Amino acid sequence: MSPRRKIGLFLILTFSLSLLSYIPIVSSGTISTNGGLFVLTLMWSPGIAGMLTQLFATRSLRRMGWRFGSAGWLAIAYILPVAYALPAYAVTWLTGLGAFINPWSASSVVRQFSSPNLATALPIFLLYQGTIGMAENVISGLGEEIGWRGLFVPELAKITSFAKTALISGIVRAGWHMPGIFLADYRSSSTPALYSAVWFVVLIIAISFPFAWLTLKSGSLWLAVLLHASHNLFIQAVFDGLTRNGSITPYITGEFGVGLAITSLVVAYVFWHMQRNVALRSQPAQPQPVVQTG
């Protein structure tokens, strides 16, 4: 099966399977319906679609990037969200547009094990989120990344340039989230839906550059899984959890704020520039699609 046909089949299956989750979410108006169960099934829709597509095309699930990348690459994937999230939150805290709060006062888990002292509460908060929180995010993120980076990105890279691969994959993934933003409550409750959607789209397209680069450079979808899980962990649980909102804060922080969109654009430029200079010449252990430059 040609890459274009595989991509077409994958997208049809992804959006068809996603309807099974979006219908109850939209009907109830919230992603929290049934305890968030439909969010989990929604996030696994691309993964199931990717595996079904691969089985139909090749009768095998091989060559979807199942091998783990090196420890160094995994470390980069884990820490990268801190690099583009921390500046946006730090500016917010330092300017008084939002307040940094002691995790002892914000987390019931931390209150069970520590005193109100920040030096004690913060390490426990980070340890808890980095273990229990990370495991939960890996499970859900794996569902998306089997599809988006295990199949979609490598197939796109066979027929177009790296920049277009990142852009197209980002646009499709951002569009896949739109029903949750406009028809349910997957957005900031403190900003207009259109505002949330615009900056979320910028963020998703921008971070598609490091997602695609790491996937194609390493030949492993696990870097994307870890990056996805780490992104959700640090932004939604850690940095949002350490921030007390003022009236303007939601317009700047979080996945729906302008601050993170700006910093993610810087990261996108860095990875685009790296690709232009090194042209992804380092070959992974398994055969990978040739990435066109330009």
Protein backbone atom coordinates (compact mmCIF):
# COMPACT_ATOMS: atom_id res chain seq x y z
CA MET A 1 0.00 0.00 0.00
CA SER A 2 1.34 3.43 -0.93
CA PRO A 3 2.07 6.00 1.81
CA ARG A 4 -0.79 8.21 0.61
CA ARG A 5 -3.28 5.36 0.86
CA LYS A 6 -2.02 4.38 4.30
CA ILE A 7 -2.37 7.97 5.45
CA GLY A 8 -5.88 8.20 4.03
CA LEU A 9 -6.98 4.96 5.69
CA PHE A 10 -5.41 5.99 8.99
CA LEU A 11 -7.19 9.35 9.03
CA ILE A 12 -10.56 7.81 8.14
CA LEU A 13 -10.22 5.25 10.91
CA THR A 14 -8.94 7.81 13.44
CA PHE A 15 -11.78 10.25 12.97
CA SER A 16 -14.38 7.47 12.76
CA LEU A 17 -13.22 5.85 15.99
CA SER A 18 -12.96 9.25 17.66
CA LEU A 19 -16.66 9.84 17.05
CA LEU A 20 -17.44 7.00 19.44
CA SER A 21 -15.85 9.06 22.22
CA TYR A 22 -16.78 12.53 21.02
CA ILE A 23 -20.51 11.79 20.85
CA PRO A 24 -20.92 11.19 24.61
CA ILE A 25 -18.45 13.99 25.42
CA VAL A 26 -20.30 16.53 23.29
CA SER A 27 -23.71 15.26 24.45
CA SER A 28 -22.75 15.83 28.08
CA GLY A 29 -20.79 19.00 27.34
CA THR A 30 -17.80 17.91 29.39
CA ILE A 31 -14.67 15.79 28.99
CA SER A 32 -15.22 14.63 32.58
CA THR A 33 -18.27 12.53 31.71
CA ASN A 34 -18.04 8.97 33.06
CA GLY A 35 -15.05 9.96 35.12
CA GLY A 36 -13.02 10.91 32.05
CA LEU A 37 -13.30 7.43 30.55
CA PHE A 38 -14.16 8.77 27.11
CA VAL A 39 -11.06 10.98 27.11
CA LEU A 40 -8.96 7.85 27.49
CA THR A 41 -10.80 6.04 24.68
CA LEU A 42 -10.51 9.17 22.54
CA MET A 43 -6.74 9.33 23.09
CA TRP A 44 -6.43 5.68 22.08
CA SER A 45 -8.38 6.19 18.83
CA PRO A 46 -5.30 7.23 16.78
CA GLY A 47 -3.31 4.31 18.22
CA ILE A 48 -5.96 1.73 17.36
CA ALA A 49 -6.39 3.30 13.93
CA GLY A 50 -2.63 3.21 13.36
CA MET A 51 -2.32 -0.44 14.30
CA LEU A 52 -5.33 -1.43 12.18
CA THR A 53 -3.88 0.47 9.23
CA GLN A 54 -0.47 -1.16 9.63
CA LEU A 55 -2.02 -4.62 9.91
CA PHE A 56 -4.14 -4.05 6.81
CA ALA A 57 -1.18 -2.72 4.82
CA THR A 58 1.58 -5.10 5.90
CA ARG A 59 -0.06 -7.87 7.97
CA SER A 60 2.38 -6.94 10.73
CA LEU A 61 2.84 -4.33 13.45
CA ARG A 62 6.57 -4.15 12.85
CA ARG A 63 8.28 -0.96 11.65
CA MET A 64 6.14 1.29 13.84
CA GLY A 65 9.08 2.37 15.99
CA TRP A 66 8.57 -0.02 18.88
CA ARG A 67 12.20 -0.15 19.95
CA PHE A 68 13.27 2.21 22.73
CA GLY A 69 15.59 5.06 21.90
CA SER A 70 18.83 5.67 23.75
CA ALA A 71 18.79 7.03 27.30
CA GLY A 72 20.11 10.36 26.04
CA TRP A 73 17.27 10.83 23.56
CA LEU A 74 14.71 9.79 26.18
CA ALA A 75 16.15 12.33 28.61
CA ILE A 76 15.82 15.08 26.00
CA ALA A 77 12.20 14.11 25.33
CA TYR A 78 11.44 14.16 29.05
CA ILE A 79 13.01 17.53 29.85
CA LEU A 80 12.06 19.44 26.68
CA PRO A 81 8.60 20.58 27.93
CA VAL A 82 10.31 22.21 30.90
CA ALA A 83 12.43 24.21 28.46
CA TYR A 84 9.45 25.74 26.69
CA ALA A 85 7.00 25.88 29.62
CA LEU A 86 9.12 27.21 32.48
CA PRO A 87 9.92 30.59 30.82
CA ALA A 88 6.23 31.36 30.29
CA TYR A 89 5.35 30.50 33.88
CA ALA A 90 8.44 32.18 35.34
CA VAL A 91 7.55 35.47 33.62
CA THR A 92 4.00 35.14 34.93
CA TRP A 93 5.18 34.55 38.51
CA LEU A 94 7.87 37.25 38.46
CA THR A 95 5.62 39.95 36.99
CA GLY A 96 2.75 39.24 39.36
CA LEU A 97 0.41 38.27 36.52
CA GLY A 98 0.00 35.00 38.41
CA ALA A 99 1.27 33.86 41.79
CA PHE A 100 3.57 30.97 42.64
CA ILE A 101 1.96 28.93 45.40
CA ASN A 102 3.39 26.47 47.89
CA PRO A 103 2.38 22.97 46.75
CA TRP A 104 1.56 22.10 50.37
CA SER A 105 -1.45 24.40 50.19
CA ALA A 106 -2.49 23.18 46.74
CA SER A 107 -2.03 19.40 46.96
CA SER A 108 -3.87 17.12 49.37
CA VAL A 109 -1.27 14.41 48.66
CA VAL A 110 1.61 16.64 49.72
CA ARG A 111 -0.21 17.73 52.90
CA GLN A 112 -0.21 14.11 54.05
CA PHE A 113 3.58 13.85 53.99
CA SER A 114 5.12 17.24 54.60
CA SER A 115 5.04 20.50 56.46
CA PRO A 116 4.00 23.83 54.91
CA ASN A 117 7.70 24.56 54.30
CA LEU A 118 8.37 25.04 50.57
CA ALA A 119 11.74 23.28 50.75
CA THR A 120 9.96 20.13 51.95
CA ALA A 121 6.70 20.37 50.04
CA LEU A 122 8.10 21.07 46.57
CA PRO A 123 10.32 17.95 46.27
CA ILE A 124 7.47 15.71 47.46
CA PHE A 125 5.09 17.36 45.00
CA LEU A 126 7.51 16.87 42.12
CA LEU A 127 8.30 13.28 43.15
CA TYR A 128 4.63 12.34 43.30
CA GLN A 129 3.85 13.93 39.96
CA GLY A 130 6.96 12.45 38.36
CA THR A 131 6.00 8.90 39.34
CA ILE A 132 2.24 8.42 39.65
CA GLY A 133 1.41 11.35 37.39
CA MET A 134 3.95 10.33 34.76
CA ALA A 135 2.70 6.74 34.63
CA GLU A 136 -0.87 7.91 34.02
CA ASN A 137 0.25 10.25 31.25
CA VAL A 138 2.35 7.56 29.55
CA ILE A 139 -0.65 5.24 29.35
CA SER A 140 -2.86 7.84 27.71
CA GLY A 141 -0.10 9.40 25.58
CA LEU A 142 0.88 6.01 24.16
CA GLY A 143 -2.56 5.71 22.59
CA GLU A 144 -2.13 8.89 20.59
CA GLU A 145 1.52 8.44 19.67
CA ILE A 146 1.17 4.93 18.21
CA GLY A 147 -0.98 6.62 15.59
CA TRP A 148 0.44 10.12 15.16
CA ARG A 149 4.16 9.32 15.36
CA GLY A 150 4.19 5.54 14.96
CA LEU A 151 2.45 5.68 11.59
CA PHE A 152 1.32 9.13 10.43
CA VAL A 153 4.61 11.05 10.66
CA PRO A 154 6.83 8.31 9.14
CA GLU A 155 4.42 7.88 6.23
CA LEU A 156 4.23 11.64 5.65
CA ALA A 157 8.04 11.82 5.70
CA LYS A 158 8.14 9.42 2.75
CA ILE A 159 6.25 11.82 0.49
CA THR A 160 7.12 15.33 1.65
CA SER A 161 9.72 17.46 3.44
CA PHE A 162 10.38 17.56 7.15
CA ALA A 163 8.81 21.00 7.54
CA LYS A 164 5.63 19.94 5.77
CA THR A 165 5.55 16.68 7.71
CA ALA A 166 5.62 18.60 10.98
CA LEU A 167 3.10 21.19 9.78
CA ILE A 168 0.60 18.71 8.37
CA SER A 169 0.77 16.40 11.36
CA GLY A 170 0.34 19.38 13.68
CA ILE A 171 -2.62 20.80 11.78
CA VAL A 172 -4.39 17.44 11.69
CA ARG A 173 -3.79 16.79 15.38
CA ALA A 174 -4.95 20.29 16.32
CA GLY A 175 -8.10 19.85 14.24
CA TRP A 176 -8.77 16.52 15.94
CA HIS A 177 -9.01 18.41 19.27
CA MET A 178 -11.44 21.09 18.06
CA PRO A 179 -14.73 19.34 18.96
CA GLY A 180 -13.56 19.18 22.56
CA ILE A 181 -12.77 22.90 22.57
CA PHE A 182 -15.83 24.27 20.79
CA LEU A 183 -18.47 21.65 21.66
CA ALA A 184 -17.34 20.63 25.17
CA ASP A 185 -15.17 22.10 27.91
CA TYR A 186 -11.65 21.21 26.81
CA ARG A 187 -10.43 24.80 27.09
CA SER A 188 -9.77 27.48 29.64
CA SER A 189 -13.00 28.32 31.44
CA SER A 190 -11.73 31.87 31.93
CA THR A 191 -11.13 32.82 28.28
CA PRO A 192 -13.33 32.78 25.15
CA ALA A 193 -13.39 29.48 23.24
CA LEU A 194 -11.92 31.13 20.14
CA TYR A 195 -9.02 32.56 22.12
CA SER A 196 -8.31 29.14 23.63
CA ALA A 197 -8.51 27.49 20.21
CA VAL A 198 -6.17 29.92 18.45
CA TRP A 199 -3.29 29.59 20.91
CA PHE A 200 -3.84 25.86 21.33
CA VAL A 201 -3.51 25.40 17.56
CA VAL A 202 -0.29 27.43 17.53
CA LEU A 203 1.09 25.34 20.38
CA ILE A 204 0.19 21.97 18.83
CA ILE A 205 1.62 22.87 15.42
CA ALA A 206 4.80 24.29 16.97
CA ILE A 207 5.56 21.28 19.17
CA SER A 208 4.94 19.00 16.19
CA PHE A 209 8.42 20.00 15.02
CA PRO A 210 10.28 18.44 17.97
CA PHE A 211 7.84 15.51 17.96
CA ALA A 212 8.58 14.78 14.29
CA TRP A 213 12.31 15.45 14.59
CA LEU A 214 12.80 13.15 17.56
CA THR A 215 10.70 10.41 15.98
CA LEU A 216 12.49 10.45 12.64
CA LYS A 217 15.92 10.96 14.17
CA SER A 218 15.61 8.04 16.59
CA GLY A 219 13.27 5.69 14.75
CA SER A 220 11.41 5.22 18.04
CA LEU A 221 7.85 6.24 18.87
CA TRP A 222 8.72 6.05 22.59
CA LEU A 223 10.43 9.42 22.47
CA ALA A 224 7.14 10.92 21.31
CA VAL A 225 5.28 9.02 24.03
CA LEU A 226 7.63 10.37 26.69
CA LEU A 227 7.53 13.89 25.27
CA HIS A 228 3.72 13.76 25.16
CA ALA A 229 3.49 12.46 28.73
CA SER A 230 6.05 14.96 30.01
CA HIS A 231 4.26 17.84 28.26
CA ASN A 232 0.96 16.95 29.93
CA LEU A 233 2.65 16.33 33.27
CA PHE A 234 4.64 19.53 33.58
CA ILE A 235 2.07 21.89 32.10
CA GLN A 236 -1.23 20.51 33.37
CA ALA A 237 -0.11 19.07 36.71
CA VAL A 238 3.13 20.75 37.80
CA PHE A 239 3.18 24.33 36.50
CA ASP A 240 -0.59 24.86 36.52
CA GLY A 241 -0.64 23.27 39.97
CA LEU A 242 1.95 25.75 41.23
CA THR A 243 0.17 28.80 39.83
CA ARG A 244 -2.59 30.84 41.46
CA ASN A 245 -4.59 32.55 38.75
CA GLY A 246 -5.37 36.21 38.61
CA SER A 247 -7.78 37.73 36.11
CA ILE A 248 -5.15 37.81 33.34
CA THR A 249 -3.28 34.58 34.15
CA PRO A 250 -5.39 32.18 32.00
CA TYR A 251 -4.69 34.36 28.96
CA ILE A 252 -0.96 33.70 29.37
CA THR A 253 -0.38 30.28 30.94
CA GLY A 254 -1.53 26.77 30.12
CA GLU A 255 -2.11 25.09 26.79
CA PHE A 256 -4.63 27.77 25.85
CA GLY A 257 -2.55 30.84 26.69
CA VAL A 258 -0.34 33.03 24.56
CA GLY A 259 2.79 32.55 26.68
CA LEU A 260 3.25 28.87 25.96
CA ALA A 261 2.40 29.41 22.29
CA ILE A 262 5.24 31.93 21.96
CA THR A 263 7.86 29.78 23.68
CA SER A 264 6.82 26.72 21.67
CA LEU A 265 7.34 28.68 18.44
CA VAL A 266 10.94 29.27 19.51
CA VAL A 267 11.37 25.53 20.04
CA ALA A 268 9.81 24.84 16.62
CA TYR A 269 12.32 27.18 14.98
CA VAL A 270 15.23 25.49 16.77
CA PHE A 271 14.23 22.03 15.53
CA TRP A 272 13.46 23.29 12.02
CA HIS A 273 16.89 24.95 11.94
CA MET A 274 18.57 21.79 13.26
CA GLN A 275 16.93 19.74 10.51
CA ARG A 276 18.14 22.14 7.83
CA ASN A 277 21.70 21.87 9.13
CA VAL A 278 22.00 18.17 9.86
CA ALA A 279 19.32 16.87 7.47
CA LEU A 280 18.62 14.01 9.92
CA ARG A 281 21.73 12.24 8.64
CA SER A 282 22.12 10.07 11.72
CA GLN A 283 20.49 6.78 10.80
CA PRO A 284 18.63 4.70 13.41
CA ALA A 285 19.19 0.99 13.79
CA GLN A 286 16.01 0.12 11.87
CA PRO A 287 15.36 1.30 8.32
CA GLN A 288 13.49 4.58 8.36
CA PRO A 289 11.80 6.71 5.70
CA VAL A 290 14.01 9.13 3.84
CA VAL A 291 13.23 12.67 4.93
CA GLN A 292 13.34 15.23 2.14
CA THR A 293 14.86 18.56 3.02
CA GLY A 294 13.34 21.93 2.34
